[in-house]
Amino acid sequence: MHRWVEHTGELELELSAPTEEGIFADALNALRELLDEGADAEPATDRQPVSVSAPERPLLLAEWVGELAYRAETEGFVPLVATDLRLSPQRLEATVDGCRGHPAHLVKAITYHELRFDRDGCGWRAHVVLDV
């Protein structure tokens, strides 16, 4: 589950999922909604391997969202779903199915302001801020 919180010049993304992998999958879903409101109706026509690394989970989440936003900006690639998502302590590898289009160019950067990724009871919670 995710929720967007709007602020001037930025968007905050709050995520919760039963697993760590679920946080990363839901971050992709949220970004898909942000980039292209009609993407849900589009079939996946492109498949891309995505690999990011960082020394800790919050930074790994920032790298993941940043890489997906970068591909949208530079290649017109709208991510639809992550398959074969593999998470290790400092690395995330996935195959991302998506489509080519004209995504909204909203994301300038992923900030480290209030970046979090924590265990919460029976699941996980994360928070990431996007500069728009």
C-alpha atoms as a PDB file:
ATOM      1  CA  MET A   1       0.000   0.000   0.000  1.00  0.00           C
ATOM      2  CA  HIS A   2       1.254   3.483  -0.752  1.00  0.00           C
ATOM      3  CA  ARG A   3       0.119   7.050  -0.215  1.00  0.00           C
ATOM      4  CA  TRP A   4       1.342  10.290  -1.791  1.00  0.00           C
ATOM      5  CA  VAL A   5       1.633  13.428   0.356  1.00  0.00           C
ATOM      6  CA  GLU A   6       2.044  16.660  -1.610  1.00  0.00           C
ATOM      7  CA  HIS A   7       4.224  19.579  -0.538  1.00  0.00           C
ATOM      8  CA  THR A   8       5.436  22.583  -2.493  1.00  0.00           C
ATOM      9  CA  GLY A   9       8.159  21.361  -4.846  1.00  0.00           C
ATOM     10  CA  GLU A  10       8.126  17.809  -3.523  1.00  0.00           C
ATOM     11  CA  LEU A  11       6.077  14.679  -3.136  1.00  0.00           C
ATOM     12  CA  GLU A  12       6.381  12.365  -0.183  1.00  0.00           C
ATOM     13  CA  LEU A  13       5.765   8.684  -0.765  1.00  0.00           C
ATOM     14  CA  GLU A  14       4.739   6.568   2.211  1.00  0.00           C
ATOM     15  CA  LEU A  15       4.920   2.816   1.672  1.00  0.00           C
ATOM     16  CA  SER A  16       3.891  -0.212   3.704  1.00  0.00           C
ATOM     17  CA  ALA A  17       4.068  -3.900   2.852  1.00  0.00           C
ATOM     18  CA  PRO A  18       4.366  -7.251   4.607  1.00  0.00           C
ATOM     19  CA  THR A  19       7.841  -7.852   3.097  1.00  0.00           C
ATOM     20  CA  GLU A  20      10.875  -5.801   2.142  1.00  0.00           C
ATOM     21  CA  GLU A  21      10.437  -6.898  -1.486  1.00  0.00           C
ATOM     22  CA  GLY A  22       6.865  -5.635  -1.277  1.00  0.00           C
ATOM     23  CA  ILE A  23       8.117  -2.139  -0.427  1.00  0.00           C
ATOM     24  CA  PHE A  24      10.196  -2.058  -3.617  1.00  0.00           C
ATOM     25  CA  ALA A  25       7.341  -3.463  -5.729  1.00  0.00           C
ATOM     26  CA  ASP A  26       4.908  -0.919  -4.306  1.00  0.00           C
ATOM     27  CA  ALA A  27       7.361   1.925  -4.932  1.00  0.00           C
ATOM     28  CA  LEU A  28       7.361   0.900  -8.605  1.00  0.00           C
ATOM     29  CA  ASN A  29       3.530   0.871  -8.609  1.00  0.00           C
ATOM     30  CA  ALA A  30       3.403   4.347  -7.099  1.00  0.00           C
ATOM     31  CA  LEU A  31       5.916   5.708  -9.597  1.00  0.00           C
ATOM     32  CA  ARG A  32       3.946   4.157 -12.468  1.00  0.00           C
ATOM     33  CA  GLU A  33       0.844   6.036 -11.302  1.00  0.00           C
ATOM     34  CA  LEU A  34       2.793   9.271 -11.071  1.00  0.00           C
ATOM     35  CA  LEU A  35       4.492   8.981 -14.464  1.00  0.00           C
ATOM     36  CA  ASP A  36       1.584   7.883 -16.621  1.00  0.00           C
ATOM     37  CA  GLU A  37      -1.992   7.746 -15.411  1.00  0.00           C
ATOM     38  CA  GLY A  38      -3.001   5.637 -18.420  1.00  0.00           C
ATOM     39  CA  ALA A  39      -0.211   3.085 -18.015  1.00  0.00           C
ATOM     40  CA  ASP A  40      -2.471   0.549 -16.294  1.00  0.00           C
ATOM     41  CA  ALA A  41      -4.326   0.096 -19.582  1.00  0.00           C
ATOM     42  CA  GLU A  42      -1.130  -0.345 -21.609  1.00  0.00           C
ATOM     43  CA  PRO A  43       0.302  -3.806 -22.222  1.00  0.00           C
ATOM     44  CA  ALA A  44       3.922  -4.437 -21.288  1.00  0.00           C
ATOM     45  CA  THR A  45       5.914  -4.212 -24.519  1.00  0.00           C
ATOM     46  CA  ASP A  46       9.424  -3.806 -23.134  1.00  0.00           C
ATOM     47  CA  ARG A  47      11.466  -5.727 -20.572  1.00  0.00           C
ATOM     48  CA  GLN A  48      14.520  -4.239 -18.888  1.00  0.00           C
ATOM     49  CA  PRO A  49      16.925  -5.596 -16.295  1.00  0.00           C
ATOM     50  CA  VAL A  50      17.424  -3.173 -13.423  1.00  0.00           C
ATOM     51  CA  SER A  51      20.178  -3.456 -10.849  1.00  0.00           C
ATOM     52  CA  VAL A  52      20.928  -0.969  -8.073  1.00  0.00           C
ATOM     53  CA  SER A  53      23.171  -1.110  -5.044  1.00  0.00           C
ATOM     54  CA  ALA A  54      23.591   0.851  -1.830  1.00  0.00           C
ATOM     55  CA  PRO A  55      25.043   0.177   1.612  1.00  0.00           C
ATOM     56  CA  GLU A  56      21.663   0.179   3.414  1.00  0.00           C
ATOM     57  CA  ARG A  57      17.933  -0.311   2.732  1.00  0.00           C
ATOM     58  CA  PRO A  58      16.784   3.351   2.743  1.00  0.00           C
ATOM     59  CA  LEU A  59      19.491   4.266   0.234  1.00  0.00           C
ATOM     60  CA  LEU A  60      18.670   1.188  -1.841  1.00  0.00           C
ATOM     61  CA  LEU A  61      15.050   2.353  -2.041  1.00  0.00           C
ATOM     62  CA  ALA A  62      16.183   5.821  -3.141  1.00  0.00           C
ATOM     63  CA  GLU A  63      18.428   4.283  -5.816  1.00  0.00           C
ATOM     64  CA  TRP A  64      15.562   2.057  -7.070  1.00  0.00           C
ATOM     65  CA  VAL A  65      13.071   4.903  -7.407  1.00  0.00           C
ATOM     66  CA  GLY A  66      15.756   7.163  -8.878  1.00  0.00           C
ATOM     67  CA  GLU A  67      16.761   4.592 -11.513  1.00  0.00           C
ATOM     68  CA  LEU A  68      13.146   4.043 -12.584  1.00  0.00           C
ATOM     69  CA  ALA A  69      12.531   7.803 -12.784  1.00  0.00           C
ATOM     70  CA  TYR A  70      15.751   8.238 -14.791  1.00  0.00           C
ATOM     71  CA  ARG A  71      14.692   5.614 -17.343  1.00  0.00           C
ATOM     72  CA  ALA A  72      11.311   7.291 -17.681  1.00  0.00           C
ATOM     73  CA  GLU A  73      12.976  10.642 -18.289  1.00  0.00           C
ATOM     74  CA  THR A  74      15.686   9.485 -20.702  1.00  0.00           C
ATOM     75  CA  GLU A  75      14.043   6.537 -22.480  1.00  0.00           C
ATOM     76  CA  GLY A  76      10.304   7.144 -22.116  1.00  0.00           C
ATOM     77  CA  PHE A  77      10.105   3.830 -20.246  1.00  0.00           C
ATOM     78  CA  VAL A  78       7.073   3.545 -17.982  1.00  0.00           C
ATOM     79  CA  PRO A  79       7.557   0.687 -15.493  1.00  0.00           C
ATOM     80  CA  LEU A  80       4.489  -1.500 -15.048  1.00  0.00           C
ATOM     81  CA  VAL A  81       5.632  -4.411 -12.896  1.00  0.00           C
ATOM     82  CA  ALA A  82       8.812  -5.871 -11.429  1.00  0.00           C
ATOM     83  CA  THR A  83       9.275  -9.569 -11.967  1.00  0.00           C
ATOM     84  CA  ASP A  84      12.016 -11.785 -10.615  1.00  0.00           C
ATOM     85  CA  LEU A  85      12.832  -9.233  -7.906  1.00  0.00           C
ATOM     86  CA  ARG A  86      15.914 -10.360  -5.962  1.00  0.00           C
ATOM     87  CA  LEU A  87      16.957  -8.528  -2.834  1.00  0.00           C
ATOM     88  CA  SER A  88      20.236  -8.973  -1.009  1.00  0.00           C
ATOM     89  CA  PRO A  89      21.699  -6.866   1.814  1.00  0.00           C
ATOM     90  CA  GLN A  90      23.188  -4.228  -0.496  1.00  0.00           C
ATOM     91  CA  ARG A  91      21.690  -4.955  -3.909  1.00  0.00           C
ATOM     92  CA  LEU A  92      18.384  -5.154  -5.737  1.00  0.00           C
ATOM     93  CA  GLU A  93      18.043  -6.863  -9.092  1.00  0.00           C
ATOM     94  CA  ALA A  94      14.806  -7.173 -11.002  1.00  0.00           C
ATOM     95  CA  THR A  95      13.343  -7.530 -14.427  1.00  0.00           C
ATOM     96  CA  VAL A  96      10.971  -4.650 -15.065  1.00  0.00           C
ATOM     97  CA  ASP A  97       8.205  -5.001 -17.608  1.00  0.00           C
ATOM     98  CA  GLY A  98       6.926  -1.727 -18.991  1.00  0.00           C
ATOM     99  CA  CYS A  99       5.911   0.221 -22.029  1.00  0.00           C
ATOM    100  CA  ARG A 100       7.353   3.090 -24.018  1.00  0.00           C
ATOM    101  CA  GLY A 101       5.476   6.318 -24.040  1.00  0.00           C
ATOM    102  CA  HIS A 102       5.578   9.930 -23.036  1.00  0.00           C
ATOM    103  CA  PRO A 103       5.622   9.855 -19.247  1.00  0.00           C
ATOM    104  CA  ALA A 104       5.152  13.064 -17.338  1.00  0.00           C
ATOM    105  CA  HIS A 105       8.559  14.492 -16.505  1.00  0.00           C
ATOM    106  CA  LEU A 106       7.833  15.283 -12.896  1.00  0.00           C
ATOM    107  CA  VAL A 107      10.696  13.815 -10.906  1.00  0.00           C
ATOM    108  CA  LYS A 108      13.830  15.940 -10.742  1.00  0.00           C
ATOM    109  CA  ALA A 109      15.563  13.932  -8.035  1.00  0.00           C
ATOM    110  CA  ILE A 110      15.137  11.632  -5.091  1.00  0.00           C
ATOM    111  CA  THR A 111      16.138  13.358  -1.875  1.00  0.00           C
ATOM    112  CA  TYR A 112      17.555  11.868   1.299  1.00  0.00           C
ATOM    113  CA  HIS A 113      15.393  14.168   3.407  1.00  0.00           C
ATOM    114  CA  GLU A 114      13.328  12.014   5.804  1.00  0.00           C
ATOM    115  CA  LEU A 115      14.328   8.830   3.952  1.00  0.00           C
ATOM    116  CA  ARG A 116      13.300   5.797   6.013  1.00  0.00           C
ATOM    117  CA  PHE A 117      12.941   2.027   5.689  1.00  0.00           C
ATOM    118  CA  ASP A 118      11.953   0.277   8.912  1.00  0.00           C
ATOM    119  CA  ARG A 119      10.349  -2.837  10.311  1.00  0.00           C
ATOM    120  CA  ASP A 120       6.871  -2.067  11.622  1.00  0.00           C
ATOM    121  CA  GLY A 121       5.096  -4.749  13.623  1.00  0.00           C
ATOM    122  CA  CYS A 122       4.249  -7.525  11.163  1.00  0.00           C
ATOM    123  CA  GLY A 123       5.609  -5.729   8.118  1.00  0.00           C
ATOM    124  CA  TRP A 124       7.723  -2.911   6.739  1.00  0.00           C
ATOM    125  CA  ARG A 125       7.273   0.847   6.277  1.00  0.00           C
ATOM    126  CA  ALA A 126       9.257   3.243   4.135  1.00  0.00           C
ATOM    127  CA  HIS A 127       9.234   6.918   3.277  1.00  0.00           C
ATOM    128  CA  VAL A 128      10.921   8.643   0.354  1.00  0.00           C
ATOM    129  CA  VAL A 129      10.741  12.268  -0.848  1.00  0.00           C
ATOM    130  CA  LEU A 130      10.803  13.175  -4.544  1.00  0.00           C
ATOM    131  CA  ASP A 131      11.866  16.618  -5.731  1.00  0.00           C
ATOM    132  CA  VAL A 132       9.376  17.630  -8.439  1.00  0.00           C
END
